[in-house]
Amino acid sequence: MTLGKVAPPRYANFIGRHRDDPSFEVRRAVATALGVIDNDAIAVPVLVHVLARHSRREDFFVQWDAGQSLIAIARRRSPDGVRRRLVELLQEPFGMTVVIAARGLAATGDARGIAKLRDLTAHPDGDVRREAVLALGELVDRGGADAVTRRLTDDNVAVRAAAVYALARMKGAAVVPELRQAVQDALAYERERRRQTGEKPEALERLGIGIFDLRETLQEAITETQTKG
């Protein structure tokens, strides 16, 4: 990150060479540094490459950093070049690549990103659904409220928690009673699923159990509505 801030533009080539480094920390540093160095011609293609790569679970964090850097670049100058590359990524086979690209596209003000995020709330992968819901809440996309509301009964507990927080941002204090009930239902669902699966770690992970604390999420959601109110 520090190198990206202080290095001359030509150092983007040096940084970019480490985009596929075996070290998770190095790959994250590359994704972050390229968002602050002043060499978009090199940085954007490398960041797109990083965002398209998803072979390990830990790659999510590297992809996230790459997405953030692309947003930063788009906001510094005309976003058209970054938008074109993000639109291309919407066709990628990896759901997490697509959801992060859609979030970046939406953050630049492109309606195609919002539309894709709404679609992704019904993606087969619970992790992708969760990130789509959180992104819509972050963007305060009130037009996507119906799609997010449907996730309050998702079969993945983490997606339910994400929907609670997102709806608080979208709808404000008026939705709190609905969110309280949704959390009670989610807690009951979690208890039942724990019983049915025998607390097997792989089953709990698949169901998104233990990623978020539902009660804590509800309190954060209520605080969010009070802040907005």
Protein backbone atom coordinates (compact mmCIF):
# COMPACT_ATOMS: atom_id res chain seq x y z
CA MET A 1 0.00 0.00 0.00
CA THR A 2 2.78 2.45 0.96
CA LEU A 3 4.65 1.74 -2.26
CA GLY A 4 1.52 2.47 -4.27
CA LYS A 5 1.14 5.86 -2.58
CA VAL A 6 4.69 7.12 -2.91
CA ALA A 7 6.12 5.29 -5.93
CA PRO A 8 6.28 6.88 -9.39
CA PRO A 9 3.79 5.56 -11.98
CA ARG A 10 6.33 3.24 -13.61
CA TYR A 11 6.35 1.12 -10.43
CA ALA A 12 2.89 -0.16 -11.37
CA ASN A 13 4.64 -2.70 -13.59
CA PHE A 14 6.75 -3.94 -10.70
CA ILE A 15 3.74 -4.19 -8.38
CA GLY A 16 1.62 -5.90 -11.01
CA ARG A 17 4.19 -8.67 -11.50
CA HIS A 18 3.21 -10.04 -8.09
CA ARG A 19 -0.51 -10.35 -8.86
CA ASP A 20 -0.32 -14.18 -8.77
CA ASP A 21 2.13 -14.44 -5.88
CA PRO A 22 1.61 -17.56 -3.73
CA SER A 23 1.30 -15.35 -0.65
CA PHE A 24 -2.23 -14.22 0.17
CA GLU A 25 -0.85 -11.10 1.90
CA VAL A 26 1.22 -10.14 -1.15
CA ARG A 27 -1.77 -10.51 -3.49
CA ARG A 28 -3.87 -8.31 -1.21
CA ALA A 29 -1.10 -5.72 -1.10
CA VAL A 30 -0.96 -5.69 -4.91
CA ALA A 31 -4.74 -5.23 -5.17
CA THR A 32 -4.66 -2.34 -2.72
CA ALA A 33 -1.53 -0.59 -4.01
CA LEU A 34 -2.72 -0.48 -7.61
CA GLY A 35 -5.73 1.52 -6.51
CA VAL A 36 -3.59 4.44 -5.36
CA ILE A 37 -0.72 4.49 -7.86
CA ASP A 38 -1.14 6.92 -10.76
CA ASN A 39 -0.92 4.53 -13.71
CA ASP A 40 -4.38 3.39 -14.76
CA ALA A 41 -3.16 1.88 -18.03
CA ILE A 42 -1.28 -0.77 -16.06
CA ALA A 43 -3.36 -0.88 -12.88
CA VAL A 44 -6.81 -1.49 -14.40
CA PRO A 45 -5.95 -4.61 -16.46
CA VAL A 46 -4.06 -6.14 -13.54
CA LEU A 47 -6.93 -5.44 -11.12
CA VAL A 48 -9.40 -6.97 -13.57
CA HIS A 49 -7.19 -10.06 -13.73
CA VAL A 50 -7.12 -10.27 -9.94
CA LEU A 51 -10.88 -9.79 -9.66
CA ALA A 52 -11.50 -12.57 -12.19
CA ARG A 53 -9.39 -15.04 -10.23
CA HIS A 54 -11.32 -17.17 -7.72
CA SER A 55 -9.84 -20.58 -7.01
CA ARG A 56 -9.62 -20.48 -3.20
CA ARG A 57 -11.94 -19.22 -0.50
CA GLU A 58 -9.33 -16.70 0.66
CA ASP A 59 -9.36 -15.14 -2.81
CA PHE A 60 -12.54 -13.29 -1.80
CA PHE A 61 -10.52 -10.78 0.21
CA VAL A 62 -8.09 -10.20 -2.64
CA GLN A 63 -10.99 -9.78 -5.06
CA TRP A 64 -12.69 -7.36 -2.66
CA ASP A 65 -9.57 -5.20 -2.47
CA ALA A 66 -9.29 -5.25 -6.27
CA GLY A 67 -12.91 -4.16 -6.55
CA GLN A 68 -12.33 -1.31 -4.11
CA SER A 69 -9.31 -0.18 -6.09
CA LEU A 70 -11.25 -0.17 -9.35
CA ILE A 71 -13.95 1.97 -7.71
CA ALA A 72 -11.27 4.40 -6.49
CA ILE A 73 -9.75 4.65 -9.97
CA ALA A 74 -13.17 5.22 -11.56
CA ARG A 75 -13.92 8.01 -9.10
CA ARG A 76 -10.59 9.77 -9.69
CA ARG A 77 -11.14 10.16 -13.40
CA SER A 78 -13.77 9.37 -16.01
CA PRO A 79 -15.32 6.03 -15.02
CA ASP A 80 -15.99 4.85 -18.59
CA GLY A 81 -12.88 2.71 -18.97
CA VAL A 82 -13.38 0.95 -15.65
CA ARG A 83 -17.08 0.47 -16.37
CA ARG A 84 -16.34 -1.31 -19.64
CA ARG A 85 -14.06 -3.78 -17.89
CA LEU A 86 -16.52 -4.37 -15.06
CA VAL A 87 -19.35 -5.02 -17.52
CA GLU A 88 -17.17 -7.69 -19.15
CA LEU A 89 -16.68 -9.35 -15.75
CA LEU A 90 -20.45 -9.75 -15.35
CA GLN A 91 -20.12 -12.67 -17.80
CA GLU A 92 -17.54 -14.53 -15.67
CA PRO A 93 -18.46 -18.02 -14.40
CA PHE A 94 -17.52 -17.32 -10.77
CA GLY A 95 -20.40 -15.81 -8.84
CA MET A 96 -18.17 -13.92 -6.41
CA THR A 97 -16.32 -12.25 -9.28
CA VAL A 98 -19.66 -11.18 -10.74
CA VAL A 99 -21.10 -9.79 -7.50
CA ILE A 100 -17.98 -7.74 -6.72
CA ALA A 101 -17.88 -6.46 -10.30
CA ALA A 102 -21.58 -5.54 -10.12
CA ARG A 103 -21.00 -3.70 -6.84
CA GLY A 104 -18.15 -1.76 -8.43
CA LEU A 105 -20.25 -0.94 -11.47
CA ALA A 106 -23.13 0.27 -9.29
CA ALA A 107 -20.74 2.38 -7.21
CA THR A 108 -19.77 4.28 -10.36
CA GLY A 109 -23.43 5.15 -10.93
CA ASP A 110 -24.12 2.57 -13.62
CA ALA A 111 -27.65 1.11 -13.36
CA ARG A 112 -26.47 -2.17 -14.87
CA GLY A 113 -24.63 -2.88 -11.64
CA ILE A 114 -27.74 -2.36 -9.53
CA ALA A 115 -29.83 -4.58 -11.83
CA LYS A 116 -27.25 -7.36 -11.64
CA LEU A 117 -27.04 -7.15 -7.84
CA ARG A 118 -30.81 -7.56 -7.62
CA ASP A 119 -30.60 -10.66 -9.81
CA LEU A 120 -27.76 -12.05 -7.72
CA THR A 121 -29.86 -12.04 -4.55
CA ALA A 122 -31.31 -15.29 -5.93
CA HIS A 123 -27.96 -16.85 -6.92
CA PRO A 124 -27.49 -20.55 -6.00
CA ASP A 125 -24.39 -19.73 -3.90
CA GLY A 126 -25.25 -18.39 -0.45
CA ASP A 127 -22.02 -16.39 -0.24
CA VAL A 128 -22.91 -14.61 -3.47
CA ARG A 129 -26.47 -13.91 -2.25
CA ARG A 130 -25.07 -12.47 0.98
CA GLU A 131 -22.69 -10.10 -0.79
CA ALA A 132 -25.39 -8.98 -3.24
CA VAL A 133 -27.75 -8.18 -0.38
CA LEU A 134 -25.08 -6.31 1.56
CA ALA A 135 -24.13 -4.30 -1.53
CA LEU A 136 -27.74 -3.26 -2.14
CA GLY A 137 -27.96 -2.14 1.47
CA GLU A 138 -24.69 -0.24 1.20
CA LEU A 139 -25.99 1.51 -1.91
CA VAL A 140 -29.39 2.13 -0.23
CA ASP A 141 -31.14 0.74 -3.29
CA ARG A 142 -34.76 1.13 -2.23
CA GLY A 143 -35.86 -0.28 -5.56
CA GLY A 144 -34.25 -3.57 -4.55
CA ALA A 145 -36.08 -3.78 -1.22
CA ASP A 146 -38.48 -6.50 -2.40
CA ALA A 147 -35.61 -8.71 -3.56
CA VAL A 148 -33.83 -8.20 -0.24
CA THR A 149 -37.00 -8.82 1.80
CA ARG A 150 -37.32 -12.26 0.20
CA ARG A 151 -33.92 -13.12 1.68
CA LEU A 152 -35.32 -12.81 5.23
CA THR A 153 -36.43 -16.43 4.80
CA ASP A 154 -33.32 -17.63 2.97
CA ASP A 155 -32.02 -21.12 3.75
CA ASN A 156 -28.66 -19.51 4.60
CA VAL A 157 -28.55 -17.80 8.01
CA ALA A 158 -25.83 -15.34 6.98
CA VAL A 159 -27.97 -14.19 4.06
CA ARG A 160 -30.87 -13.61 6.47
CA ALA A 161 -28.62 -11.52 8.70
CA ALA A 162 -27.38 -9.51 5.71
CA ALA A 163 -30.98 -8.85 4.67
CA VAL A 164 -31.84 -7.56 8.15
CA TYR A 165 -29.04 -5.02 8.06
CA ALA A 166 -29.64 -4.04 4.43
CA LEU A 167 -33.36 -3.42 4.97
CA ALA A 168 -32.61 -1.21 7.96
CA ARG A 169 -30.53 0.99 5.66
CA MET A 170 -33.16 0.94 2.93
CA LYS A 171 -36.34 1.46 4.93
CA GLY A 172 -35.36 3.04 8.24
CA ALA A 173 -37.20 2.81 11.55
CA ALA A 174 -40.51 1.74 10.03
CA VAL A 175 -39.12 -1.71 9.24
CA VAL A 176 -37.77 -2.49 12.73
CA PRO A 177 -40.80 -4.57 13.91
CA GLU A 178 -40.50 -6.72 10.79
CA LEU A 179 -36.78 -7.14 11.39
CA ARG A 180 -37.31 -8.17 15.01
CA GLN A 181 -39.68 -10.91 13.90
CA ALA A 182 -37.34 -11.96 11.11
CA VAL A 183 -34.49 -12.40 13.60
CA GLN A 184 -36.68 -14.46 15.94
CA ASP A 185 -37.64 -16.68 13.00
CA ALA A 186 -33.99 -16.95 11.96
CA LEU A 187 -32.91 -17.95 15.46
CA ALA A 188 -35.55 -20.67 15.53
CA TYR A 189 -34.47 -21.83 12.08
CA GLU A 190 -30.83 -21.91 13.18
CA ARG A 191 -31.61 -24.00 16.25
CA GLU A 192 -33.57 -26.49 14.19
CA ARG A 193 -30.88 -26.77 11.53
CA ARG A 194 -28.20 -27.27 14.18
CA ARG A 195 -30.25 -30.13 15.59
CA GLN A 196 -30.85 -31.70 12.19
CA THR A 197 -27.21 -31.54 11.10
CA GLY A 198 -25.73 -32.65 14.39
CA GLU A 199 -23.57 -29.51 14.49
CA LYS A 200 -21.32 -30.84 11.71
CA PRO A 201 -18.93 -28.01 10.75
CA GLU A 202 -19.28 -28.47 6.99
CA ALA A 203 -23.08 -28.36 7.27
CA LEU A 204 -23.03 -25.26 9.48
CA GLU A 205 -20.71 -23.52 7.02
CA ARG A 206 -22.96 -24.40 4.09
CA LEU A 207 -25.95 -22.95 5.98
CA GLY A 208 -24.09 -19.75 6.89
CA ILE A 209 -24.41 -20.48 10.60
CA GLY A 210 -21.89 -18.72 12.84
CA ILE A 211 -20.82 -16.07 10.35
CA PHE A 212 -22.94 -13.35 11.95
CA ASP A 213 -24.48 -13.10 15.40
CA LEU A 214 -28.19 -12.57 14.65
CA ARG A 215 -28.96 -10.65 17.84
CA GLU A 216 -25.96 -8.39 17.37
CA THR A 217 -26.94 -7.83 13.75
CA LEU A 218 -30.41 -6.75 14.83
CA GLN A 219 -28.96 -4.24 17.30
CA GLU A 220 -26.65 -2.84 14.63
CA ALA A 221 -29.61 -2.57 12.27
CA ILE A 222 -31.68 -0.69 14.85
CA THR A 223 -28.77 1.65 15.53
CA GLU A 224 -28.51 2.27 11.80
CA THR A 225 -32.16 3.32 11.62
CA GLN A 226 -31.70 5.65 14.60
CA THR A 227 -28.67 7.24 13.00
CA LYS A 228 -30.63 7.85 9.82
CA GLY A 229 -33.65 9.07 11.72
